[in-house]
Each structure stands twice: as structure tokens, then as C-alpha cells.
PDB file of N, CA and C in Angstrom:
ATOM      1  N   UNK A   1     -26.729  41.277  62.166  1.00  0.00           N
ATOM      2  CA  UNK A   1     -26.725  40.174  63.112  1.00  0.00           C
ATOM      3  C   UNK A   1     -26.958  38.829  62.413  1.00  0.00           C
ATOM      4  N   UNK A   2     -27.862  38.859  61.438  1.00  0.00           N
ATOM      5  CA  UNK A   2     -28.163  37.602  60.753  1.00  0.00           C
ATOM      6  C   UNK A   2     -26.958  37.084  59.972  1.00  0.00           C
ATOM      7  N   UNK A   3     -26.194  37.991  59.404  1.00  0.00           N
ATOM      8  CA  UNK A   3     -25.008  37.598  58.652  1.00  0.00           C
ATOM      9  C   UNK A   3     -23.985  36.948  59.588  1.00  0.00           C
ATOM     10  N   UNK A   4     -23.782  37.553  60.744  1.00  0.00           N
ATOM     11  CA  UNK A   4     -22.850  36.996  61.736  1.00  0.00           C
ATOM     12  C   UNK A   4     -23.347  35.642  62.242  1.00  0.00           C
ATOM     13  N   UNK A   5     -24.639  35.541  62.484  1.00  0.00           N
ATOM     14  CA  UNK A   5     -25.217  34.272  62.940  1.00  0.00           C
ATOM     15  C   UNK A   5     -25.050  33.186  61.878  1.00  0.00           C
ATOM     16  N   UNK A   6     -25.216  33.553  60.621  1.00  0.00           N
ATOM     17  CA  UNK A   6     -25.053  32.585  59.534  1.00  0.00           C
ATOM     18  C   UNK A   6     -23.607  32.101  59.459  1.00  0.00           C
ATOM     19  N   UNK A   7     -22.659  33.010  59.654  1.00  0.00           N
ATOM     20  CA  UNK A   7     -21.245  32.627  59.643  1.00  0.00           C
ATOM     21  C   UNK A   7     -20.936  31.669  60.794  1.00  0.00           C
ATOM     22  N   UNK A   8     -21.462  31.997  61.969  1.00  0.00           N
ATOM     23  CA  UNK A   8     -21.232  31.134  63.129  1.00  0.00           C
ATOM     24  C   UNK A   8     -21.880  29.765  62.942  1.00  0.00           C
ATOM     25  N   UNK A   9     -23.064  29.739  62.365  1.00  0.00           N
ATOM     26  CA  UNK A   9     -23.745  28.467  62.117  1.00  0.00           C
ATOM     27  C   UNK A   9     -22.950  27.616  61.134  1.00  0.00           C
ATOM     28  N   UNK A  10     -22.412  28.250  60.110  1.00  0.00           N
ATOM     29  CA  UNK A  10     -21.590  27.529  59.136  1.00  0.00           C
ATOM     30  C   UNK A  10     -20.331  26.990  59.800  1.00  0.00           C
ATOM     31  N   UNK A  11     -19.718  27.805  60.626  1.00  0.00           N
ATOM     32  CA  UNK A  11     -18.512  27.381  61.339  1.00  0.00           C
ATOM     33  C   UNK A  11     -18.814  26.203  62.261  1.00  0.00           C
ATOM     34  N   UNK A  12     -19.922  26.294  62.992  1.00  0.00           N
ATOM     35  CA  UNK A  12     -20.319  25.200  63.886  1.00  0.00           C
ATOM     36  C   UNK A  12     -20.594  23.929  63.090  1.00  0.00           C
ATOM     37  N   UNK A  13     -21.249  24.082  61.962  1.00  0.00           N
ATOM     38  CA  UNK A  13     -21.558  22.933  61.114  1.00  0.00           C
ATOM     39  C   UNK A  13     -20.285  22.248  60.635  1.00  0.00           C
ATOM     40  N   UNK A  14     -19.302  23.032  60.243  1.00  0.00           N
ATOM     41  CA  UNK A  14     -18.028  22.464  59.789  1.00  0.00           C
ATOM     42  C   UNK A  14     -17.316  21.734  60.921  1.00  0.00           C
ATOM     43  N   UNK A  15     -17.338  22.324  62.107  1.00  0.00           N
ATOM     44  CA  UNK A  15     -16.696  21.698  63.268  1.00  0.00           C
ATOM     45  C   UNK A  15     -17.398  20.391  63.623  1.00  0.00           C
ATOM     46  N   UNK A  16     -18.728  20.415  63.641  1.00  0.00           N
ATOM     47  CA  UNK A  16     -19.478  19.203  63.970  1.00  0.00           C
ATOM     48  C   UNK A  16     -19.265  18.110  62.929  1.00  0.00           C
ATOM     49  N   UNK A  17     -19.127  18.509  61.681  1.00  0.00           N
ATOM     50  CA  UNK A  17     -18.870  17.531  60.622  1.00  0.00           C
ATOM     51  C   UNK A  17     -17.517  16.850  60.844  1.00  0.00           C
ATOM     52  N   UNK A  18     -16.513  17.639  61.229  1.00  0.00           N
ATOM     53  CA  UNK A  18     -15.192  17.067  61.513  1.00  0.00           C
ATOM     54  C   UNK A  18     -15.253  16.111  62.704  1.00  0.00           C
ATOM     55  N   UNK A  19     -15.993  16.516  63.726  1.00  0.00           N
ATOM     56  CA  UNK A  19     -16.118  15.672  64.919  1.00  0.00           C
ATOM     57  C   UNK A  19     -16.806  14.355  64.574  1.00  0.00           C
ATOM     58  N   UNK A  20     -17.835  14.415  63.744  1.00  0.00           N
ATOM     59  CA  UNK A  20     -18.585  13.202  63.418  1.00  0.00           C
ATOM     60  C   UNK A  20     -17.747  12.184  62.659  1.00  0.00           C
ATOM     61  N   UNK A  21     -16.731  12.653  61.935  1.00  0.00           N
ATOM     62  CA  UNK A  21     -15.880  11.699  61.221  1.00  0.00           C
ATOM     63  C   UNK A  21     -15.068  10.845  62.191  1.00  0.00           C
ATOM     64  N   UNK A  22     -14.855  11.338  63.394  1.00  0.00           N
ATOM     65  CA  UNK A  22     -14.104  10.581  64.399  1.00  0.00           C
ATOM     66  C   UNK A  22     -15.004   9.704  65.264  1.00  0.00           C
ATOM     67  N   UNK A  23     -16.306   9.840  65.106  1.00  0.00           N
ATOM     68  CA  UNK A  23     -17.241   9.099  65.947  1.00  0.00           C
ATOM     69  C   UNK A  23     -17.008   7.590  65.844  1.00  0.00           C
ATOM     70  N   UNK A  24     -16.851   7.087  64.635  1.00  0.00           N
ATOM     71  CA  UNK A  24     -16.628   5.654  64.443  1.00  0.00           C
ATOM     72  C   UNK A  24     -15.315   5.214  65.086  1.00  0.00           C
ATOM     73  N   UNK A  25     -14.285   6.043  64.956  1.00  0.00           N
ATOM     74  CA  UNK A  25     -12.992   5.717  65.558  1.00  0.00           C
ATOM     75  C   UNK A  25     -13.111   5.648  67.075  1.00  0.00           C
ATOM     76  N   UNK A  26     -13.796   6.629  67.674  1.00  0.00           N
ATOM     77  CA  UNK A  26     -13.975   6.634  69.124  1.00  0.00           C
ATOM     78  C   UNK A  26     -14.791   5.425  69.574  1.00  0.00           C
ATOM     79  N   UNK A  27     -15.815   5.087  68.814  1.00  0.00           N
ATOM     80  CA  UNK A  27     -16.638   3.928  69.164  1.00  0.00           C
ATOM     81  C   UNK A  27     -15.807   2.649  69.123  1.00  0.00           C
ATOM     82  N   UNK A  28     -14.964   2.513  68.118  1.00  0.00           N
ATOM     83  CA  UNK A  28     -14.118   1.322  68.011  1.00  0.00           C
ATOM     84  C   UNK A  28     -13.093   1.273  69.147  1.00  0.00           C
ATOM     85  N   UNK A  29     -12.516   2.429  69.489  1.00  0.00           N
ATOM     86  CA  UNK A  29     -11.567   2.475  70.606  1.00  0.00           C
ATOM     87  C   UNK A  29     -12.241   2.094  71.917  1.00  0.00           C
ATOM     88  N   UNK A  30     -13.448   2.598  72.134  1.00  0.00           N
ATOM     89  CA  UNK A  30     -14.178   2.275  73.359  1.00  0.00           C
ATOM     90  C   UNK A  30     -14.489   0.782  73.418  1.00  0.00           C
ATOM     91  N   UNK A  31     -14.903   0.220  72.289  1.00  0.00           N
ATOM     92  CA  UNK A  31     -15.205  -1.214  72.237  1.00  0.00           C
ATOM     93  C   UNK A  31     -13.950  -2.038  72.510  1.00  0.00           C
ATOM     94  N   UNK A  32     -12.845  -1.659  71.897  1.00  0.00           N
ATOM     95  CA  UNK A  32     -11.586  -2.387  72.098  1.00  0.00           C
ATOM     96  C   UNK A  32     -11.116  -2.288  73.543  1.00  0.00           C
ATOM     97  N   UNK A  33     -11.229  -1.102  74.128  1.00  0.00           N
ATOM     98  CA  UNK A  33     -10.826  -0.918  75.526  1.00  0.00           C
ATOM     99  C   UNK A  33     -11.689  -1.770  76.451  1.00  0.00           C
ATOM    100  N   UNK A  34     -12.995  -1.822  76.163  1.00  0.00           N
ATOM    101  CA  UNK A  34     -13.899  -2.645  76.973  1.00  0.00           C
ATOM    102  C   UNK A  34     -13.535  -4.127  76.851  1.00  0.00           C
ATOM    103  N   UNK A  35     -13.326  -4.591  75.617  1.00  0.00           N
ATOM    104  CA  UNK A  35     -12.974  -5.997  75.406  1.00  0.00           C
ATOM    105  C   UNK A  35     -11.651  -6.338  76.087  1.00  0.00           C
ATOM    106  N   UNK A  36     -10.684  -5.424  76.008  1.00  0.00           N
ATOM    107  CA  UNK A  36      -9.399  -5.653  76.657  1.00  0.00           C
ATOM    108  C   UNK A  36      -9.572  -5.710  78.169  1.00  0.00           C
ATOM    109  N   UNK A  37     -10.428  -4.861  78.697  1.00  0.00           N
ATOM    110  CA  UNK A  37     -10.696  -4.851  80.132  1.00  0.00           C
ATOM    111  C   UNK A  37     -11.320  -6.176  80.574  1.00  0.00           C
ATOM    112  N   UNK A  38     -12.252  -6.681  79.771  1.00  0.00           N
ATOM    113  CA  UNK A  38     -12.873  -7.972  80.083  1.00  0.00           C
ATOM    114  C   UNK A  38     -11.823  -9.085  80.057  1.00  0.00           C
ATOM    115  N   UNK A  39     -10.949  -9.050  79.058  1.00  0.00           N
ATOM    116  CA  UNK A  39      -9.882 -10.054  78.987  1.00  0.00           C
ATOM    117  C   UNK A  39      -8.943  -9.963  80.184  1.00  0.00           C
ATOM    118  N   UNK A  40      -8.643  -8.734  80.618  1.00  0.00           N
ATOM    119  CA  UNK A  40      -7.789  -8.567  81.800  1.00  0.00           C
ATOM    120  C   UNK A  40      -8.442  -9.165  83.041  1.00  0.00           C
ATOM    121  N   UNK A  41      -9.738  -8.941  83.190  1.00  0.00           N
ATOM    122  CA  UNK A  41     -10.459  -9.493  84.346  1.00  0.00           C
ATOM    123  C   UNK A  41     -10.425 -11.020  84.315  1.00  0.00           C
ATOM    124  N   UNK A  42     -10.622 -11.590  83.128  1.00  0.00           N
ATOM    125  CA  UNK A  42     -10.586 -13.048  82.992  1.00  0.00           C
ATOM    126  C   UNK A  42      -9.188 -13.584  83.294  1.00  0.00           C
ATOM    127  N   UNK A  43      -8.171 -12.914  82.777  1.00  0.00           N
ATOM    128  CA  UNK A  43      -6.791 -13.314  83.058  1.00  0.00           C
ATOM    129  C   UNK A  43      -6.493 -13.209  84.548  1.00  0.00           C
ATOM    130  N   UNK A  44      -6.973 -12.147  85.164  1.00  0.00           N
ATOM    131  CA  UNK A  44      -6.761 -11.964  86.601  1.00  0.00           C
ATOM    132  C   UNK A  44      -7.417 -13.094  87.383  1.00  0.00           C
ATOM    133  N   UNK A  45      -8.640 -13.436  87.015  1.00  0.00           N
ATOM    134  CA  UNK A  45      -9.365 -14.508  87.699  1.00  0.00           C
ATOM    135  C   UNK A  45      -8.637 -15.839  87.545  1.00  0.00           C
ATOM    136  N   UNK A  46      -8.219 -16.138  86.317  1.00  0.00           N
ATOM    137  CA  UNK A  46      -7.538 -17.412  86.073  1.00  0.00           C
ATOM    138  C   UNK A  46      -6.172 -17.462  86.751  1.00  0.00           C
ATOM    139  N   UNK A  47      -5.472 -16.335  86.763  1.00  0.00           N
ATOM    140  CA  UNK A  47      -4.142 -16.338  87.374  1.00  0.00           C
ATOM    141  C   UNK A  47      -4.218 -16.483  88.884  1.00  0.00           C
ATOM    142  N   UNK A  48      -5.274 -15.987  89.481  1.00  0.00           N
ATOM    143  CA  UNK A  48      -5.435 -16.150  90.929  1.00  0.00           C
ATOM    144  C   UNK A  48      -5.715 -17.613  91.275  1.00  0.00           C
ATOM    145  N   UNK A  49      -6.319 -18.333  90.334  1.00  0.00           N
ATOM    146  CA  UNK A  49      -6.616 -19.747  90.556  1.00  0.00           C
ATOM    147  C   UNK A  49      -5.388 -20.631  90.365  1.00  0.00           C
ATOM    148  N   UNK A  50      -4.396 -20.150  89.655  1.00  0.00           N
ATOM    149  CA  UNK A  50      -3.213 -20.959  89.363  1.00  0.00           C
ATOM    150  C   UNK A  50      -2.181 -20.805  90.478  1.00  0.00           C
ATOM    151  N   UNK A  51      -1.743 -21.919  91.021  1.00  0.00           N
ATOM    152  CA  UNK A  51      -0.778 -21.859  92.132  1.00  0.00           C
ATOM    153  C   UNK A  51       0.584 -21.344  91.675  1.00  0.00           C
ATOM    154  N   UNK A  52       0.989 -21.640  90.438  1.00  0.00           N
ATOM    155  CA  UNK A  52       2.278 -21.167  89.947  1.00  0.00           C
ATOM    156  C   UNK A  52       2.279 -19.655  89.760  1.00  0.00           C
ATOM    157  N   UNK A  53       1.167 -19.127  89.301  1.00  0.00           N
ATOM    158  CA  UNK A  53       1.103 -17.692  89.027  1.00  0.00           C
ATOM    159  C   UNK A  53       0.883 -16.850  90.281  1.00  0.00           C
ATOM    160  N   UNK A  54       0.531 -17.493  91.387  1.00  0.00           N
ATOM    161  CA  UNK A  54       0.279 -16.734  92.609  1.00  0.00           C
ATOM    162  C   UNK A  54       1.539 -16.080  93.150  1.00  0.00           C
ATOM    163  N   UNK A  55       2.704 -16.552  92.732  1.00  0.00           N
ATOM    164  CA  UNK A  55       3.961 -15.978  93.203  1.00  0.00           C
ATOM    165  C   UNK A  55       4.327 -14.697  92.461  1.00  0.00           C
ATOM    166  N   UNK A  56       3.701 -14.446  91.318  1.00  0.00           N
ATOM    167  CA  UNK A  56       3.991 -13.236  90.538  1.00  0.00           C
ATOM    168  C   UNK A  56       3.356 -12.012  91.198  1.00  0.00           C
ATOM    169  N   UNK A  57       3.949 -10.833  90.994  1.00  0.00           N
ATOM    170  CA  UNK A  57       3.335  -9.601  91.524  1.00  0.00           C
ATOM    171  C   UNK A  57       2.132  -9.197  90.654  1.00  0.00           C
ATOM    172  N   UNK A  58       1.058  -9.957  90.792  1.00  0.00           N
ATOM    173  CA  UNK A  58      -0.109  -9.805  89.925  1.00  0.00           C
ATOM    174  C   UNK A  58      -0.701  -8.401  89.999  1.00  0.00           C
ATOM    175  N   UNK A  59      -0.830  -7.858  91.197  1.00  0.00           N
ATOM    176  CA  UNK A  59      -1.437  -6.526  91.325  1.00  0.00           C
ATOM    177  C   UNK A  59      -0.647  -5.489  90.532  1.00  0.00           C
ATOM    178  N   UNK A  60       0.662  -5.569  90.616  1.00  0.00           N
ATOM    179  CA  UNK A  60       1.513  -4.627  89.879  1.00  0.00           C
ATOM    180  C   UNK A  60       1.375  -4.853  88.374  1.00  0.00           C
ATOM    181  N   UNK A  61       1.358  -6.110  87.954  1.00  0.00           N
ATOM    182  CA  UNK A  61       1.207  -6.443  86.535  1.00  0.00           C
ATOM    183  C   UNK A  61      -0.114  -5.917  85.989  1.00  0.00           C
ATOM    184  N   UNK A  62      -1.206  -6.152  86.715  1.00  0.00           N
ATOM    185  CA  UNK A  62      -2.504  -5.681  86.247  1.00  0.00           C
ATOM    186  C   UNK A  62      -2.598  -4.164  86.269  1.00  0.00           C
ATOM    187  N   UNK A  63      -1.919  -3.538  87.211  1.00  0.00           N
ATOM    188  CA  UNK A  63      -1.888  -2.076  87.228  1.00  0.00           C
ATOM    189  C   UNK A  63      -1.250  -1.520  85.971  1.00  0.00           C
ATOM    190  N   UNK A  64      -0.143  -2.125  85.561  1.00  0.00           N
ATOM    191  CA  UNK A  64       0.538  -1.685  84.336  1.00  0.00           C
ATOM    192  C   UNK A  64      -0.334  -1.945  83.115  1.00  0.00           C
ATOM    193  N   UNK A  65      -0.958  -3.117  83.042  1.00  0.00           N
ATOM    194  CA  UNK A  65      -1.812  -3.444  81.896  1.00  0.00           C
ATOM    195  C   UNK A  65      -3.024  -2.518  81.813  1.00  0.00           C
ATOM    196  N   UNK A  66      -3.591  -2.174  82.959  1.00  0.00           N
ATOM    197  CA  UNK A  66      -4.737  -1.257  82.956  1.00  0.00           C
ATOM    198  C   UNK A  66      -4.317   0.135  82.495  1.00  0.00           C
ATOM    199  N   UNK A  67      -3.122   0.557  82.884  1.00  0.00           N
ATOM    200  CA  UNK A  67      -2.620   1.850  82.410  1.00  0.00           C
ATOM    201  C   UNK A  67      -2.430   1.823  80.903  1.00  0.00           C
ATOM    202  N   UNK A  68      -1.925   0.715  80.382  1.00  0.00           N
ATOM    203  CA  UNK A  68      -1.734   0.587  78.935  1.00  0.00           C
ATOM    204  C   UNK A  68      -3.065   0.615  78.195  1.00  0.00           C
ATOM    205  N   UNK A  69      -4.116   0.106  78.838  1.00  0.00           N
ATOM    206  CA  UNK A  69      -5.441   0.137  78.228  1.00  0.00           C
ATOM    207  C   UNK A  69      -5.857   1.568  77.946  1.00  0.00           C
ATOM    208  N   UNK A  70      -5.597   2.453  78.883  1.00  0.00           N
ATOM    209  CA  UNK A  70      -6.013   3.845  78.716  1.00  0.00           C
ATOM    210  C   UNK A  70      -5.094   4.617  77.787  1.00  0.00           C
ATOM    211  N   UNK A  71      -3.888   4.124  77.553  1.00  0.00           N
ATOM    212  CA  UNK A  71      -2.969   4.805  76.646  1.00  0.00           C
ATOM    213  C   UNK A  71      -3.242   4.468  75.195  1.00  0.00           C
ATOM    214  N   UNK A  72      -3.895   3.317  74.963  1.00  0.00           N
ATOM    215  CA  UNK A  72      -4.128   2.912  73.571  1.00  0.00           C
ATOM    216  C   UNK A  72      -5.266   3.663  72.938  1.00  0.00           C
TER     217      UNK A  72
END
């Protein structure tokens, strides 16, 4: 049993090591997605204030941009 447990522990350790190498990448992606979301909110606020931009299909545009945020 101890031999099998040692093998499983080694396997888990290797898997966790691989996962940890992506931690920085995931953190950067989350930060970028958050910053992009904040920029979208600011753009949405400013575009609602602009009389020229009020004629654009803003809701549809922001829907597409928000979807792109999650795809990146």
C-alpha cells in the first residue's frame, strides 16, 4: 500500500507542479479581463452621454465586446 501511495503522491506532485506553472498566466488573464471590463464600462458610460453615439446599437455592441472578453 505504501508503494502505491508513494506513486500516487509523486503523480499528484507532478500534476500540481504543471498546474502551478500556469498560475501566473491565469492571474495575468484575469487581470487583463478585469481591466478590459472596466474600460468597457467607462466606454459605455461615455457613449451614453454622447448624443452622436446614442444612435448606435450600443447594447448589441457591448454584448459582442463582452463575449470577446471571455474568449480572450
